[in-house]
């Protein structure tokens, strides 16, 4: 099964091949979140739990990053 980040990156590249998309398939926690998002322009969050979403929000606020998030049921 294809990871969500890779599937989303593939789809977004079909929509706009001029943007650089780097999917990151990684367990996120307080020890690595700042390093994971330090060099990005926009984060697209497709996480499926609130704990991770809160962690991302705190980190992106600290680094002043744009954040797009969504969820499905």
PDB file of N, CA and C in Angstrom:
ATOM      1  N   UNK A   1       0.840  -1.184   0.000  1.00  0.00           N
ATOM      2  CA  UNK A   1       0.000   0.000   0.000  1.00  0.00           C
ATOM      3  C   UNK A   1       0.886   1.250   0.000  1.00  0.00           C
ATOM      4  N   UNK A   2       0.522   2.201  -0.798  1.00  0.00           N
ATOM      5  CA  UNK A   2       1.276   3.445  -0.945  1.00  0.00           C
ATOM      6  C   UNK A   2       1.004   4.370   0.247  1.00  0.00           C
ATOM      7  N   UNK A   3       2.048   4.915   0.878  1.00  0.00           N
ATOM      8  CA  UNK A   3       1.825   5.859   1.978  1.00  0.00           C
ATOM      9  C   UNK A   3       1.037   7.084   1.507  1.00  0.00           C
ATOM     10  N   UNK A   4       0.229   7.659   2.402  1.00  0.00           N
ATOM     11  CA  UNK A   4      -0.600   8.820   2.059  1.00  0.00           C
ATOM     12  C   UNK A   4       0.228   9.968   1.503  1.00  0.00           C
ATOM     13  N   UNK A   5       1.384  10.222   2.090  1.00  0.00           N
ATOM     14  CA  UNK A   5       2.206  11.352   1.647  1.00  0.00           C
ATOM     15  C   UNK A   5       2.676  11.166   0.205  1.00  0.00           C
ATOM     16  N   UNK A   6       3.037   9.960  -0.149  1.00  0.00           N
ATOM     17  CA  UNK A   6       3.503   9.677  -1.514  1.00  0.00           C
ATOM     18  C   UNK A   6       2.342   9.759  -2.499  1.00  0.00           C
ATOM     19  N   UNK A   7       1.205   9.185  -2.139  1.00  0.00           N
ATOM     20  CA  UNK A   7       0.028   9.235  -3.016  1.00  0.00           C
ATOM     21  C   UNK A   7      -0.408  10.681  -3.249  1.00  0.00           C
ATOM     22  N   UNK A   8      -0.428  11.488  -2.203  1.00  0.00           N
ATOM     23  CA  UNK A   8      -0.821  12.889  -2.346  1.00  0.00           C
ATOM     24  C   UNK A   8       0.182  13.653  -3.213  1.00  0.00           C
ATOM     25  N   UNK A   9       1.469  13.411  -3.011  1.00  0.00           N
ATOM     26  CA  UNK A   9       2.496  14.075  -3.819  1.00  0.00           C
ATOM     27  C   UNK A   9       2.343  13.726  -5.291  1.00  0.00           C
ATOM     28  N   UNK A  10       2.096  12.461  -5.585  1.00  0.00           N
ATOM     29  CA  UNK A  10       1.901  12.041  -6.979  1.00  0.00           C
ATOM     30  C   UNK A  10       0.714  12.760  -7.614  1.00  0.00           C
ATOM     31  N   UNK A  11      -0.374  12.843  -6.881  1.00  0.00           N
ATOM     32  CA  UNK A  11      -1.582  13.503  -7.394  1.00  0.00           C
ATOM     33  C   UNK A  11      -1.332  14.999  -7.602  1.00  0.00           C
ATOM     34  N   UNK A  12      -0.681  15.645  -6.637  1.00  0.00           N
ATOM     35  CA  UNK A  12      -0.414  17.078  -6.756  1.00  0.00           C
ATOM     36  C   UNK A  12       0.542  17.387  -7.903  1.00  0.00           C
ATOM     37  N   UNK A  13       1.488  16.503  -8.162  1.00  0.00           N
ATOM     38  CA  UNK A  13       2.401  16.699  -9.310  1.00  0.00           C
ATOM     39  C   UNK A  13       1.655  16.625 -10.630  1.00  0.00           C
ATOM     40  N   UNK A  14       0.609  15.796 -10.694  1.00  0.00           N
ATOM     41  CA  UNK A  14      -0.206  15.732 -11.907  1.00  0.00           C
ATOM     42  C   UNK A  14      -0.967  17.030 -12.129  1.00  0.00           C
ATOM     43  N   UNK A  15      -1.362  17.659 -11.046  1.00  0.00           N
ATOM     44  CA  UNK A  15      -2.098  18.919 -11.129  1.00  0.00           C
ATOM     45  C   UNK A  15      -1.175  20.067 -11.508  1.00  0.00           C
ATOM     46  N   UNK A  16       0.033  20.104 -10.917  1.00  0.00           N
ATOM     47  CA  UNK A  16       0.972  21.192 -11.180  1.00  0.00           C
ATOM     48  C   UNK A  16       2.396  20.656 -11.109  1.00  0.00           C
ATOM     49  N   UNK A  17       2.960  20.382 -12.255  1.00  0.00           N
ATOM     50  CA  UNK A  17       4.301  19.796 -12.316  1.00  0.00           C
ATOM     51  C   UNK A  17       5.408  20.825 -12.058  1.00  0.00           C
ATOM     52  N   UNK A  18       5.059  22.085 -11.922  1.00  0.00           N
ATOM     53  CA  UNK A  18       6.068  23.123 -11.718  1.00  0.00           C
ATOM     54  C   UNK A  18       6.442  23.332 -10.249  1.00  0.00           C
ATOM     55  N   UNK A  19       5.705  22.718  -9.340  1.00  0.00           N
ATOM     56  CA  UNK A  19       6.041  22.863  -7.923  1.00  0.00           C
ATOM     57  C   UNK A  19       6.892  21.685  -7.471  1.00  0.00           C
ATOM     58  N   UNK A  20       7.740  21.938  -6.495  1.00  0.00           N
ATOM     59  CA  UNK A  20       8.568  20.872  -5.934  1.00  0.00           C
ATOM     60  C   UNK A  20       7.863  20.316  -4.703  1.00  0.00           C
ATOM     61  N   UNK A  21       7.579  19.031  -4.730  1.00  0.00           N
ATOM     62  CA  UNK A  21       6.873  18.370  -3.640  1.00  0.00           C
ATOM     63  C   UNK A  21       7.770  17.257  -3.110  1.00  0.00           C
ATOM     64  N   UNK A  22       7.989  17.280  -1.815  1.00  0.00           N
ATOM     65  CA  UNK A  22       8.806  16.258  -1.172  1.00  0.00           C
ATOM     66  C   UNK A  22       7.960  15.562  -0.111  1.00  0.00           C
ATOM     67  N   UNK A  23       7.430  14.395  -0.429  1.00  0.00           N
ATOM     68  CA  UNK A  23       6.643  13.696   0.592  1.00  0.00           C
ATOM     69  C   UNK A  23       7.565  13.151   1.683  1.00  0.00           C
ATOM     70  N   UNK A  24       7.139  13.282   2.912  1.00  0.00           N
ATOM     71  CA  UNK A  24       7.915  12.775   4.037  1.00  0.00           C
ATOM     72  C   UNK A  24       7.084  11.729   4.751  1.00  0.00           C
ATOM     73  N   UNK A  25       7.582  10.506   4.753  1.00  0.00           N
ATOM     74  CA  UNK A  25       6.922   9.409   5.452  1.00  0.00           C
ATOM     75  C   UNK A  25       7.766   9.126   6.683  1.00  0.00           C
ATOM     76  N   UNK A  26       7.310   9.617   7.815  1.00  0.00           N
ATOM     77  CA  UNK A  26       8.122   9.589   9.029  1.00  0.00           C
ATOM     78  C   UNK A  26       7.199   9.644  10.235  1.00  0.00           C
ATOM     79  N   UNK A  27       7.566   8.967  11.292  1.00  0.00           N
ATOM     80  CA  UNK A  27       6.863   9.133  12.555  1.00  0.00           C
ATOM     81  C   UNK A  27       7.254  10.490  13.124  1.00  0.00           C
ATOM     82  N   UNK A  28       6.270  11.278  13.489  1.00  0.00           N
ATOM     83  CA  UNK A  28       6.506  12.631  13.981  1.00  0.00           C
ATOM     84  C   UNK A  28       6.345  12.652  15.496  1.00  0.00           C
ATOM     85  N   UNK A  29       7.316  13.260  16.160  1.00  0.00           N
ATOM     86  CA  UNK A  29       7.198  13.461  17.601  1.00  0.00           C
ATOM     87  C   UNK A  29       7.955  14.732  17.979  1.00  0.00           C
ATOM     88  N   UNK A  30       7.961  15.043  19.247  1.00  0.00           N
ATOM     89  CA  UNK A  30       8.573  16.302  19.685  1.00  0.00           C
ATOM     90  C   UNK A  30      10.077  16.358  19.436  1.00  0.00           C
ATOM     91  N   UNK A  31      10.710  15.215  19.246  1.00  0.00           N
ATOM     92  CA  UNK A  31      12.158  15.215  19.021  1.00  0.00           C
ATOM     93  C   UNK A  31      12.555  15.524  17.578  1.00  0.00           C
ATOM     94  N   UNK A  32      11.607  15.397  16.616  1.00  0.00           N
ATOM     95  CA  UNK A  32      11.992  15.601  15.222  1.00  0.00           C
ATOM     96  C   UNK A  32      11.132  16.598  14.452  1.00  0.00           C
ATOM     97  N   UNK A  33      10.055  17.092  15.040  1.00  0.00           N
ATOM     98  CA  UNK A  33       9.125  17.934  14.287  1.00  0.00           C
ATOM     99  C   UNK A  33       9.770  19.214  13.753  1.00  0.00           C
ATOM    100  N   UNK A  34      10.559  19.888  14.556  1.00  0.00           N
ATOM    101  CA  UNK A  34      11.153  21.146  14.087  1.00  0.00           C
ATOM    102  C   UNK A  34      12.105  20.911  12.919  1.00  0.00           C
ATOM    103  N   UNK A  35      12.890  19.859  12.990  1.00  0.00           N
ATOM    104  CA  UNK A  35      13.814  19.548  11.895  1.00  0.00           C
ATOM    105  C   UNK A  35      13.053  19.157  10.624  1.00  0.00           C
ATOM    106  N   UNK A  36      11.948  18.435  10.777  1.00  0.00           N
ATOM    107  CA  UNK A  36      11.172  18.007   9.612  1.00  0.00           C
ATOM    108  C   UNK A  36      10.570  19.182   8.846  1.00  0.00           C
ATOM    109  N   UNK A  37      10.174  20.225   9.544  1.00  0.00           N
ATOM    110  CA  UNK A  37       9.492  21.328   8.858  1.00  0.00           C
ATOM    111  C   UNK A  37      10.346  22.578   8.672  1.00  0.00           C
ATOM    112  N   UNK A  38      11.552  22.563   9.156  1.00  0.00           N
ATOM    113  CA  UNK A  38      12.400  23.766   9.126  1.00  0.00           C
ATOM    114  C   UNK A  38      12.545  24.355   7.715  1.00  0.00           C
ATOM    115  N   UNK A  39      12.719  23.541   6.693  1.00  0.00           N
ATOM    116  CA  UNK A  39      13.018  24.039   5.346  1.00  0.00           C
ATOM    117  C   UNK A  39      11.841  24.003   4.381  1.00  0.00           C
ATOM    118  N   UNK A  40      10.628  23.796   4.875  1.00  0.00           N
ATOM    119  CA  UNK A  40       9.487  23.744   3.964  1.00  0.00           C
ATOM    120  C   UNK A  40       8.821  25.109   3.846  1.00  0.00           C
ATOM    121  N   UNK A  41       8.135  25.325   2.729  1.00  0.00           N
ATOM    122  CA  UNK A  41       7.373  26.555   2.536  1.00  0.00           C
ATOM    123  C   UNK A  41       5.932  26.380   3.018  1.00  0.00           C
ATOM    124  N   UNK A  42       5.342  25.244   2.690  1.00  0.00           N
ATOM    125  CA  UNK A  42       3.962  24.946   3.062  1.00  0.00           C
ATOM    126  C   UNK A  42       3.888  23.488   3.499  1.00  0.00           C
ATOM    127  N   UNK A  43       3.223  23.253   4.605  1.00  0.00           N
ATOM    128  CA  UNK A  43       3.003  21.878   5.068  1.00  0.00           C
ATOM    129  C   UNK A  43       1.583  21.466   4.731  1.00  0.00           C
ATOM    130  N   UNK A  44       1.434  20.258   4.202  1.00  0.00           N
ATOM    131  CA  UNK A  44       0.112  19.675   4.002  1.00  0.00           C
ATOM    132  C   UNK A  44       0.001  18.521   4.979  1.00  0.00           C
ATOM    133  N   UNK A  45      -0.908  18.642   5.896  1.00  0.00           N
ATOM    134  CA  UNK A  45      -1.060  17.700   6.997  1.00  0.00           C
ATOM    135  C   UNK A  45      -2.255  16.790   6.737  1.00  0.00           C
ATOM    136  N   UNK A  46      -1.985  15.508   6.666  1.00  0.00           N
ATOM    137  CA  UNK A  46      -3.066  14.515   6.522  1.00  0.00           C
ATOM    138  C   UNK A  46      -3.006  13.513   7.672  1.00  0.00           C
ATOM    139  N   UNK A  47      -2.597  13.992   8.831  1.00  0.00           N
ATOM    140  CA  UNK A  47      -2.508  13.106   9.988  1.00  0.00           C
ATOM    141  C   UNK A  47      -3.899  12.694  10.436  1.00  0.00           C
ATOM    142  N   UNK A  48      -3.939  11.631  11.202  1.00  0.00           N
ATOM    143  CA  UNK A  48      -5.241  11.115  11.626  1.00  0.00           C
ATOM    144  C   UNK A  48      -5.393  11.075  13.145  1.00  0.00           C
ATOM    145  N   UNK A  49      -4.633  11.936  13.843  1.00  0.00           N
ATOM    146  CA  UNK A  49      -4.840  12.014  15.286  1.00  0.00           C
ATOM    147  C   UNK A  49      -4.562  13.427  15.791  1.00  0.00           C
ATOM    148  N   UNK A  50      -5.266  13.792  16.833  1.00  0.00           N
ATOM    149  CA  UNK A  50      -5.165  15.156  17.352  1.00  0.00           C
ATOM    150  C   UNK A  50      -3.832  15.452  18.010  1.00  0.00           C
ATOM    151  N   UNK A  51      -3.234  14.479  18.669  1.00  0.00           N
ATOM    152  CA  UNK A  51      -1.946  14.707  19.336  1.00  0.00           C
ATOM    153  C   UNK A  51      -0.897  15.197  18.333  1.00  0.00           C
ATOM    154  N   UNK A  52      -0.820  14.535  17.184  1.00  0.00           N
ATOM    155  CA  UNK A  52       0.144  14.934  16.157  1.00  0.00           C
ATOM    156  C   UNK A  52      -0.219  16.292  15.568  1.00  0.00           C
ATOM    157  N   UNK A  53      -1.506  16.525  15.378  1.00  0.00           N
ATOM    158  CA  UNK A  53      -1.944  17.811  14.825  1.00  0.00           C
ATOM    159  C   UNK A  53      -1.579  18.961  15.764  1.00  0.00           C
ATOM    160  N   UNK A  54      -1.739  18.769  17.062  1.00  0.00           N
ATOM    161  CA  UNK A  54      -1.338  19.799  18.027  1.00  0.00           C
ATOM    162  C   UNK A  54       0.168  20.023  17.988  1.00  0.00           C
ATOM    163  N   UNK A  55       0.920  18.952  17.858  1.00  0.00           N
ATOM    164  CA  UNK A  55       2.381  19.039  17.779  1.00  0.00           C
ATOM    165  C   UNK A  55       2.797  19.837  16.542  1.00  0.00           C
ATOM    166  N   UNK A  56       2.184  19.540  15.409  1.00  0.00           N
ATOM    167  CA  UNK A  56       2.470  20.254  14.165  1.00  0.00           C
ATOM    168  C   UNK A  56       2.106  21.730  14.316  1.00  0.00           C
ATOM    169  N   UNK A  57       0.955  22.007  14.891  1.00  0.00           N
ATOM    170  CA  UNK A  57       0.532  23.389  15.065  1.00  0.00           C
ATOM    171  C   UNK A  57       1.526  24.177  15.908  1.00  0.00           C
ATOM    172  N   UNK A  58       1.967  23.609  17.008  1.00  0.00           N
ATOM    173  CA  UNK A  58       2.935  24.305  17.868  1.00  0.00           C
ATOM    174  C   UNK A  58       4.238  24.587  17.118  1.00  0.00           C
ATOM    175  N   UNK A  59       4.727  23.593  16.392  1.00  0.00           N
ATOM    176  CA  UNK A  59       5.998  23.741  15.673  1.00  0.00           C
ATOM    177  C   UNK A  59       5.880  24.736  14.522  1.00  0.00           C
ATOM    178  N   UNK A  60       4.823  24.647  13.764  1.00  0.00           N
ATOM    179  CA  UNK A  60       4.693  25.548  12.618  1.00  0.00           C
ATOM    180  C   UNK A  60       4.484  26.978  13.089  1.00  0.00           C
ATOM    181  N   UNK A  61       3.820  27.156  14.212  1.00  0.00           N
ATOM    182  CA  UNK A  61       3.652  28.504  14.759  1.00  0.00           C
ATOM    183  C   UNK A  61       5.004  29.065  15.181  1.00  0.00           C
ATOM    184  N   UNK A  62       5.808  28.235  15.827  1.00  0.00           N
ATOM    185  CA  UNK A  62       7.139  28.669  16.268  1.00  0.00           C
ATOM    186  C   UNK A  62       8.017  29.075  15.087  1.00  0.00           C
ATOM    187  N   UNK A  63       7.921  28.308  13.974  1.00  0.00           N
ATOM    188  CA  UNK A  63       8.755  28.586  12.797  1.00  0.00           C
ATOM    189  C   UNK A  63       8.043  29.450  11.749  1.00  0.00           C
ATOM    190  N   UNK A  64       6.808  29.846  12.038  1.00  0.00           N
ATOM    191  CA  UNK A  64       6.031  30.709  11.147  1.00  0.00           C
ATOM    192  C   UNK A  64       5.861  30.094   9.754  1.00  0.00           C
ATOM    193  N   UNK A  65       5.370  28.860   9.732  1.00  0.00           N
ATOM    194  CA  UNK A  65       5.149  28.131   8.480  1.00  0.00           C
ATOM    195  C   UNK A  65       3.681  28.102   8.117  1.00  0.00           C
ATOM    196  N   UNK A  66       3.404  28.077   6.813  1.00  0.00           N
ATOM    197  CA  UNK A  66       2.033  27.883   6.350  1.00  0.00           C
ATOM    198  C   UNK A  66       1.635  26.435   6.561  1.00  0.00           C
ATOM    199  N   UNK A  67       0.362  26.208   6.880  1.00  0.00           N
ATOM    200  CA  UNK A  67      -0.101  24.861   7.233  1.00  0.00           C
ATOM    201  C   UNK A  67      -1.474  24.634   6.630  1.00  0.00           C
ATOM    202  N   UNK A  68      -1.585  23.596   5.841  1.00  0.00           N
ATOM    203  CA  UNK A  68      -2.853  23.167   5.279  1.00  0.00           C
ATOM    204  C   UNK A  68      -3.173  21.824   5.908  1.00  0.00           C
ATOM    205  N   UNK A  69      -4.364  21.709   6.477  1.00  0.00           N
ATOM    206  CA  UNK A  69      -4.713  20.425   7.081  1.00  0.00           C
ATOM    207  C   UNK A  69      -6.113  20.020   6.660  1.00  0.00           C
ATOM    208  N   UNK A  70      -6.338  18.741   6.707  1.00  0.00           N
ATOM    209  CA  UNK A  70      -7.644  18.209   6.348  1.00  0.00           C
ATOM    210  C   UNK A  70      -7.817  16.849   6.959  1.00  0.00           C
ATOM    211  N   UNK A  71      -9.028  16.362   6.887  1.00  0.00           N
ATOM    212  CA  UNK A  71      -9.335  15.045   7.441  1.00  0.00           C
ATOM    213  C   UNK A  71     -10.527  14.461   6.713  1.00  0.00           C
ATOM    214  N   UNK A  72     -10.630  13.174   6.756  1.00  0.00           N
ATOM    215  CA  UNK A  72     -11.797  12.482   6.195  1.00  0.00           C
ATOM    216  C   UNK A  72     -12.259  11.437   7.193  1.00  0.00           C
ATOM    217  N   UNK A  73     -13.483  11.059   7.050  1.00  0.00           N
ATOM    218  CA  UNK A  73     -14.051  10.020   7.917  1.00  0.00           C
ATOM    219  C   UNK A  73     -14.334   8.799   7.065  1.00  0.00           C
TER     220      UNK A  73
END
